[in-house]
Amino acid sequence: MKNGVPCSCGCGAHANHAPEFRVPAAKAVLSLANLPVGVTATILKVLPGLRGRKKFADVGLVAGTELTVEAYAPFGGLIRVKFMDTSMALHRDDAAGILLQRGESAE
């Protein structure tokens, strides 16, 4: 806390530190970069500060969107995902900033 003002992320630290996204422990959360091929999941959050966040929102990669990983590039640089009748490739670094919850049938 700084001058009695708690951090906006709810951690109780001072107001000037970088906020972190906190997820309730009850949810099984993973990043898009760690989702196995063929598994369907729902986007929980696209982290702030992610390169290309607005572009992802423009094509429909927003909270609540269901997606499936179709393939990984042979050397791990790109991930191909399918969502809303669209297939697109993302860099693994960008995919790490998209938090997901696995679908009911995937667990």
N, C-alpha and C. Protein backbone atom coordinates (compact mmCIF):
# COMPACT_ATOMS: atom_id res chain seq x y z
N MET A 1 0.83 -1.18 0.00
CA MET A 1 0.00 0.00 0.00
C MET A 1 0.87 1.24 0.00
N LYS A 2 0.43 2.22 -0.72
CA LYS A 2 1.14 3.49 -0.74
C LYS A 2 0.16 4.57 -0.32
N ASN A 3 0.47 5.23 0.77
CA ASN A 3 -0.41 6.27 1.30
C ASN A 3 -1.83 5.75 1.53
N GLY A 4 -1.93 4.49 1.97
CA GLY A 4 -3.24 3.92 2.24
C GLY A 4 -4.02 3.47 1.01
N VAL A 5 -3.38 3.51 -0.18
CA VAL A 5 -4.07 3.12 -1.42
C VAL A 5 -3.59 1.73 -1.82
N PRO A 6 -4.47 0.73 -1.78
CA PRO A 6 -4.05 -0.62 -2.18
C PRO A 6 -3.90 -0.71 -3.70
N CYS A 7 -3.15 -1.69 -4.10
CA CYS A 7 -2.95 -1.94 -5.53
C CYS A 7 -4.27 -2.31 -6.19
N SER A 8 -4.42 -1.96 -7.45
CA SER A 8 -5.66 -2.25 -8.18
C SER A 8 -5.85 -3.74 -8.46
N CYS A 9 -4.79 -4.54 -8.37
CA CYS A 9 -4.95 -5.97 -8.64
C CYS A 9 -5.43 -6.74 -7.42
N GLY A 10 -5.50 -6.07 -6.26
CA GLY A 10 -6.03 -6.72 -5.08
C GLY A 10 -5.01 -7.49 -4.27
N CYS A 11 -3.73 -7.34 -4.57
CA CYS A 11 -2.71 -8.10 -3.85
C CYS A 11 -2.35 -7.48 -2.51
N GLY A 12 -2.74 -6.22 -2.29
CA GLY A 12 -2.43 -5.55 -1.04
C GLY A 12 -1.09 -4.85 -1.05
N ALA A 13 -0.37 -4.92 -2.14
CA ALA A 13 0.93 -4.25 -2.25
C ALA A 13 0.73 -2.77 -2.55
N HIS A 14 1.84 -2.09 -2.73
CA HIS A 14 1.76 -0.66 -3.02
C HIS A 14 1.14 -0.41 -4.38
N ALA A 15 0.68 0.80 -4.61
CA ALA A 15 -0.08 1.13 -5.82
C ALA A 15 0.78 1.25 -7.07
N ASN A 16 2.11 1.25 -6.95
CA ASN A 16 2.96 1.47 -8.12
C ASN A 16 3.52 0.20 -8.75
N HIS A 17 3.24 -0.98 -8.20
CA HIS A 17 3.79 -2.18 -8.83
C HIS A 17 2.92 -2.60 -10.01
N ALA A 18 3.47 -3.39 -10.88
CA ALA A 18 2.73 -3.86 -12.06
C ALA A 18 1.64 -4.83 -11.61
N PRO A 19 0.38 -4.59 -11.99
CA PRO A 19 -0.69 -5.50 -11.58
C PRO A 19 -0.54 -6.86 -12.24
N GLU A 20 -0.98 -7.88 -11.53
CA GLU A 20 -0.93 -9.24 -12.05
C GLU A 20 -2.35 -9.75 -12.16
N PHE A 21 -2.57 -10.66 -13.10
CA PHE A 21 -3.89 -11.27 -13.23
C PHE A 21 -3.95 -12.42 -12.24
N ARG A 22 -4.93 -12.40 -11.37
CA ARG A 22 -5.09 -13.47 -10.39
C ARG A 22 -6.33 -14.28 -10.73
N VAL A 23 -6.19 -15.59 -10.71
CA VAL A 23 -7.27 -16.50 -11.08
C VAL A 23 -7.69 -17.27 -9.84
N PRO A 24 -8.98 -17.43 -9.60
CA PRO A 24 -9.41 -18.25 -8.47
C PRO A 24 -8.82 -19.65 -8.56
N ALA A 25 -8.40 -20.19 -7.42
CA ALA A 25 -7.73 -21.49 -7.40
C ALA A 25 -8.62 -22.63 -7.88
N ALA A 26 -9.93 -22.46 -7.84
CA ALA A 26 -10.85 -23.54 -8.21
C ALA A 26 -10.83 -23.83 -9.72
N LYS A 27 -10.39 -22.87 -10.52
CA LYS A 27 -10.40 -23.07 -11.97
C LYS A 27 -9.06 -23.63 -12.44
N ALA A 28 -9.11 -24.58 -13.35
CA ALA A 28 -7.89 -25.12 -13.95
C ALA A 28 -7.55 -24.24 -15.14
N VAL A 29 -6.54 -23.39 -14.97
CA VAL A 29 -6.19 -22.41 -15.99
C VAL A 29 -4.85 -22.76 -16.60
N LEU A 30 -4.77 -22.63 -17.91
CA LEU A 30 -3.51 -22.82 -18.62
C LEU A 30 -3.45 -21.81 -19.75
N SER A 31 -2.26 -21.62 -20.28
CA SER A 31 -2.12 -20.68 -21.39
C SER A 31 -2.32 -21.42 -22.71
N LEU A 32 -2.61 -20.68 -23.73
CA LEU A 32 -2.79 -21.26 -25.07
C LEU A 32 -1.51 -21.95 -25.52
N ALA A 33 -0.36 -21.45 -25.09
CA ALA A 33 0.91 -22.05 -25.47
C ALA A 33 1.07 -23.47 -24.92
N ASN A 34 0.32 -23.82 -23.87
CA ASN A 34 0.44 -25.14 -23.23
C ASN A 34 -0.72 -26.08 -23.54
N LEU A 35 -1.67 -25.64 -24.34
CA LEU A 35 -2.83 -26.47 -24.66
C LEU A 35 -2.45 -27.56 -25.66
N PRO A 36 -2.76 -28.82 -25.38
CA PRO A 36 -2.41 -29.90 -26.32
C PRO A 36 -3.23 -29.83 -27.62
N VAL A 37 -2.70 -30.42 -28.67
CA VAL A 37 -3.36 -30.47 -29.96
C VAL A 37 -4.67 -31.24 -29.84
N GLY A 38 -5.74 -30.69 -30.44
CA GLY A 38 -7.03 -31.36 -30.45
C GLY A 38 -7.91 -31.05 -29.26
N VAL A 39 -7.41 -30.33 -28.28
CA VAL A 39 -8.18 -30.02 -27.07
C VAL A 39 -8.91 -28.69 -27.26
N THR A 40 -10.16 -28.65 -26.82
CA THR A 40 -10.97 -27.44 -26.90
C THR A 40 -10.96 -26.74 -25.54
N ALA A 41 -10.86 -25.41 -25.56
CA ALA A 41 -10.85 -24.62 -24.32
C ALA A 41 -11.53 -23.29 -24.58
N THR A 42 -11.87 -22.60 -23.50
CA THR A 42 -12.51 -21.30 -23.58
C THR A 42 -11.56 -20.24 -23.05
N ILE A 43 -11.47 -19.11 -23.73
CA ILE A 43 -10.59 -18.02 -23.31
C ILE A 43 -11.18 -17.37 -22.06
N LEU A 44 -10.36 -17.29 -21.01
CA LEU A 44 -10.74 -16.59 -19.79
C LEU A 44 -10.31 -15.14 -19.85
N LYS A 45 -9.09 -14.90 -20.32
CA LYS A 45 -8.56 -13.54 -20.33
C LYS A 45 -7.40 -13.45 -21.30
N VAL A 46 -7.34 -12.33 -22.00
CA VAL A 46 -6.17 -11.97 -22.79
C VAL A 46 -5.42 -10.95 -21.95
N LEU A 47 -4.21 -11.28 -21.53
CA LEU A 47 -3.48 -10.44 -20.59
C LEU A 47 -3.21 -9.05 -21.16
N PRO A 48 -3.29 -8.03 -20.30
CA PRO A 48 -2.98 -6.67 -20.74
C PRO A 48 -1.52 -6.56 -21.16
N GLY A 49 -1.23 -5.70 -22.08
CA GLY A 49 0.14 -5.51 -22.54
C GLY A 49 0.59 -6.52 -23.58
N LEU A 50 -0.28 -7.43 -23.97
CA LEU A 50 0.07 -8.43 -24.97
C LEU A 50 0.20 -7.77 -26.34
N ARG A 51 1.30 -8.06 -27.00
CA ARG A 51 1.51 -7.52 -28.34
C ARG A 51 0.38 -7.99 -29.26
N GLY A 52 -0.26 -7.08 -29.94
CA GLY A 52 -1.33 -7.44 -30.87
C GLY A 52 -2.67 -7.71 -30.22
N ARG A 53 -2.85 -7.29 -28.96
CA ARG A 53 -4.10 -7.58 -28.25
C ARG A 53 -5.32 -7.05 -29.00
N LYS A 54 -5.23 -5.85 -29.55
CA LYS A 54 -6.35 -5.27 -30.29
C LYS A 54 -6.64 -6.08 -31.56
N LYS A 55 -5.60 -6.52 -32.23
CA LYS A 55 -5.80 -7.33 -33.44
C LYS A 55 -6.48 -8.66 -33.09
N PHE A 56 -6.10 -9.26 -31.97
CA PHE A 56 -6.74 -10.50 -31.54
C PHE A 56 -8.22 -10.25 -31.27
N ALA A 57 -8.53 -9.14 -30.62
CA ALA A 57 -9.93 -8.80 -30.34
C ALA A 57 -10.70 -8.58 -31.63
N ASP A 58 -10.07 -7.95 -32.62
CA ASP A 58 -10.72 -7.68 -33.90
C ASP A 58 -11.13 -8.96 -34.63
N VAL A 59 -10.36 -10.04 -34.47
CA VAL A 59 -10.69 -11.29 -35.15
C VAL A 59 -11.52 -12.23 -34.28
N GLY A 60 -11.74 -11.86 -33.02
CA GLY A 60 -12.61 -12.65 -32.17
C GLY A 60 -11.95 -13.40 -31.04
N LEU A 61 -10.64 -13.21 -30.82
CA LEU A 61 -9.97 -13.86 -29.70
C LEU A 61 -10.16 -13.01 -28.45
N VAL A 62 -11.32 -13.18 -27.82
CA VAL A 62 -11.68 -12.44 -26.62
C VAL A 62 -12.20 -13.42 -25.58
N ALA A 63 -12.37 -12.95 -24.36
CA ALA A 63 -12.89 -13.79 -23.29
C ALA A 63 -14.24 -14.39 -23.69
N GLY A 64 -14.38 -15.69 -23.45
CA GLY A 64 -15.61 -16.40 -23.79
C GLY A 64 -15.57 -17.15 -25.10
N THR A 65 -14.56 -16.89 -25.92
CA THR A 65 -14.43 -17.57 -27.21
C THR A 65 -13.88 -18.98 -27.00
N GLU A 66 -14.48 -19.95 -27.65
CA GLU A 66 -14.02 -21.33 -27.59
C GLU A 66 -13.07 -21.58 -28.76
N LEU A 67 -11.95 -22.25 -28.49
CA LEU A 67 -10.98 -22.53 -29.56
C LEU A 67 -10.39 -23.90 -29.38
N THR A 68 -9.77 -24.38 -30.46
CA THR A 68 -9.11 -25.69 -30.48
C THR A 68 -7.75 -25.53 -31.12
N VAL A 69 -6.73 -26.15 -30.53
CA VAL A 69 -5.39 -26.14 -31.13
C VAL A 69 -5.38 -27.19 -32.22
N GLU A 70 -5.03 -26.78 -33.44
CA GLU A 70 -4.98 -27.71 -34.57
C GLU A 70 -3.60 -28.31 -34.75
N ALA A 71 -2.54 -27.52 -34.54
CA ALA A 71 -1.20 -28.03 -34.78
C ALA A 71 -0.16 -27.09 -34.19
N TYR A 72 1.02 -27.64 -33.95
CA TYR A 72 2.19 -26.86 -33.56
C TYR A 72 3.20 -26.93 -34.69
N ALA A 73 3.92 -25.84 -34.91
CA ALA A 73 4.99 -25.84 -35.92
C ALA A 73 6.09 -26.80 -35.45
N PRO A 74 6.82 -27.40 -36.37
CA PRO A 74 7.83 -28.40 -36.01
C PRO A 74 8.87 -27.92 -35.00
N PHE A 75 9.26 -26.66 -35.05
CA PHE A 75 10.29 -26.17 -34.14
C PHE A 75 9.70 -25.28 -33.05
N GLY A 76 8.39 -25.33 -32.85
CA GLY A 76 7.75 -24.69 -31.72
C GLY A 76 7.50 -23.20 -31.81
N GLY A 77 7.66 -22.57 -32.96
CA GLY A 77 7.47 -21.13 -33.07
C GLY A 77 6.03 -20.70 -33.21
N LEU A 78 5.25 -21.46 -33.97
CA LEU A 78 3.87 -21.08 -34.24
C LEU A 78 2.88 -22.14 -33.75
N ILE A 79 1.68 -21.66 -33.44
CA ILE A 79 0.58 -22.53 -33.03
C ILE A 79 -0.61 -22.20 -33.92
N ARG A 80 -1.21 -23.23 -34.54
CA ARG A 80 -2.41 -22.99 -35.36
C ARG A 80 -3.65 -23.32 -34.53
N VAL A 81 -4.55 -22.34 -34.43
CA VAL A 81 -5.77 -22.52 -33.65
C VAL A 81 -6.99 -22.32 -34.53
N LYS A 82 -8.08 -22.99 -34.17
CA LYS A 82 -9.35 -22.86 -34.88
C LYS A 82 -10.38 -22.32 -33.91
N PHE A 83 -11.08 -21.27 -34.33
CA PHE A 83 -12.15 -20.67 -33.54
C PHE A 83 -13.11 -19.99 -34.48
N MET A 84 -14.40 -20.05 -34.17
CA MET A 84 -15.45 -19.40 -34.96
C MET A 84 -15.26 -19.58 -36.47
N ASP A 85 -15.09 -20.80 -36.94
CA ASP A 85 -14.90 -21.11 -38.37
C ASP A 85 -13.69 -20.42 -38.98
N THR A 86 -12.72 -20.06 -38.17
CA THR A 86 -11.49 -19.41 -38.63
C THR A 86 -10.31 -20.20 -38.13
N SER A 87 -9.27 -20.27 -38.93
CA SER A 87 -8.03 -20.89 -38.51
C SER A 87 -6.92 -19.86 -38.66
N MET A 88 -6.12 -19.69 -37.60
CA MET A 88 -5.03 -18.72 -37.68
C MET A 88 -3.83 -19.22 -36.90
N ALA A 89 -2.66 -18.70 -37.26
CA ALA A 89 -1.43 -19.06 -36.58
C ALA A 89 -1.02 -17.92 -35.65
N LEU A 90 -0.55 -18.30 -34.45
CA LEU A 90 -0.08 -17.35 -33.46
C LEU A 90 1.35 -17.72 -33.06
N HIS A 91 2.13 -16.72 -32.72
CA HIS A 91 3.45 -16.99 -32.15
C HIS A 91 3.27 -17.54 -30.74
N ARG A 92 4.15 -18.43 -30.34
CA ARG A 92 4.06 -19.04 -29.01
C ARG A 92 4.15 -17.98 -27.91
N ASP A 93 4.94 -16.94 -28.09
CA ASP A 93 5.05 -15.87 -27.09
C ASP A 93 3.72 -15.16 -26.90
N ASP A 94 3.00 -14.92 -27.99
CA ASP A 94 1.68 -14.29 -27.89
C ASP A 94 0.67 -15.23 -27.27
N ALA A 95 0.75 -16.51 -27.62
CA ALA A 95 -0.19 -17.50 -27.09
C ALA A 95 -0.03 -17.67 -25.58
N ALA A 96 1.16 -17.42 -25.06
CA ALA A 96 1.38 -17.54 -23.61
C ALA A 96 0.60 -16.49 -22.83
N GLY A 97 0.19 -15.41 -23.47
CA GLY A 97 -0.57 -14.36 -22.82
C GLY A 97 -2.07 -14.52 -22.91
N ILE A 98 -2.53 -15.66 -23.44
CA ILE A 98 -3.96 -15.94 -23.54
C ILE A 98 -4.27 -17.08 -22.57
N LEU A 99 -5.04 -16.77 -21.51
CA LEU A 99 -5.35 -17.74 -20.49
C LEU A 99 -6.66 -18.45 -20.81
N LEU A 100 -6.67 -19.76 -20.63
CA LEU A 100 -7.79 -20.61 -21.02
C LEU A 100 -8.27 -21.49 -19.89
N GLN A 101 -9.50 -21.95 -20.03
CA GLN A 101 -10.03 -23.01 -19.18
C GLN A 101 -10.47 -24.13 -20.10
N ARG A 102 -10.00 -25.33 -19.83
CA ARG A 102 -10.35 -26.48 -20.67
C ARG A 102 -11.84 -26.72 -20.65
N GLY A 103 -12.35 -27.20 -21.79
CA GLY A 103 -13.77 -27.53 -21.89
C GLY A 103 -14.09 -28.75 -21.06
N GLU A 104 -15.38 -28.96 -20.76
CA GLU A 104 -15.83 -30.09 -19.95
C GLU A 104 -15.44 -31.42 -20.56
N SER A 105 -15.56 -31.54 -21.87
CA SER A 105 -15.27 -32.81 -22.53
C SER A 105 -13.78 -33.09 -22.64
N ALA A 106 -12.93 -32.06 -22.48
CA ALA A 106 -11.49 -32.22 -22.64
C ALA A 106 -10.82 -32.76 -21.40
N GLU A 107 -11.45 -32.71 -20.24
CA GLU A 107 -10.77 -33.10 -19.01
C GLU A 107 -10.87 -34.56 -18.73
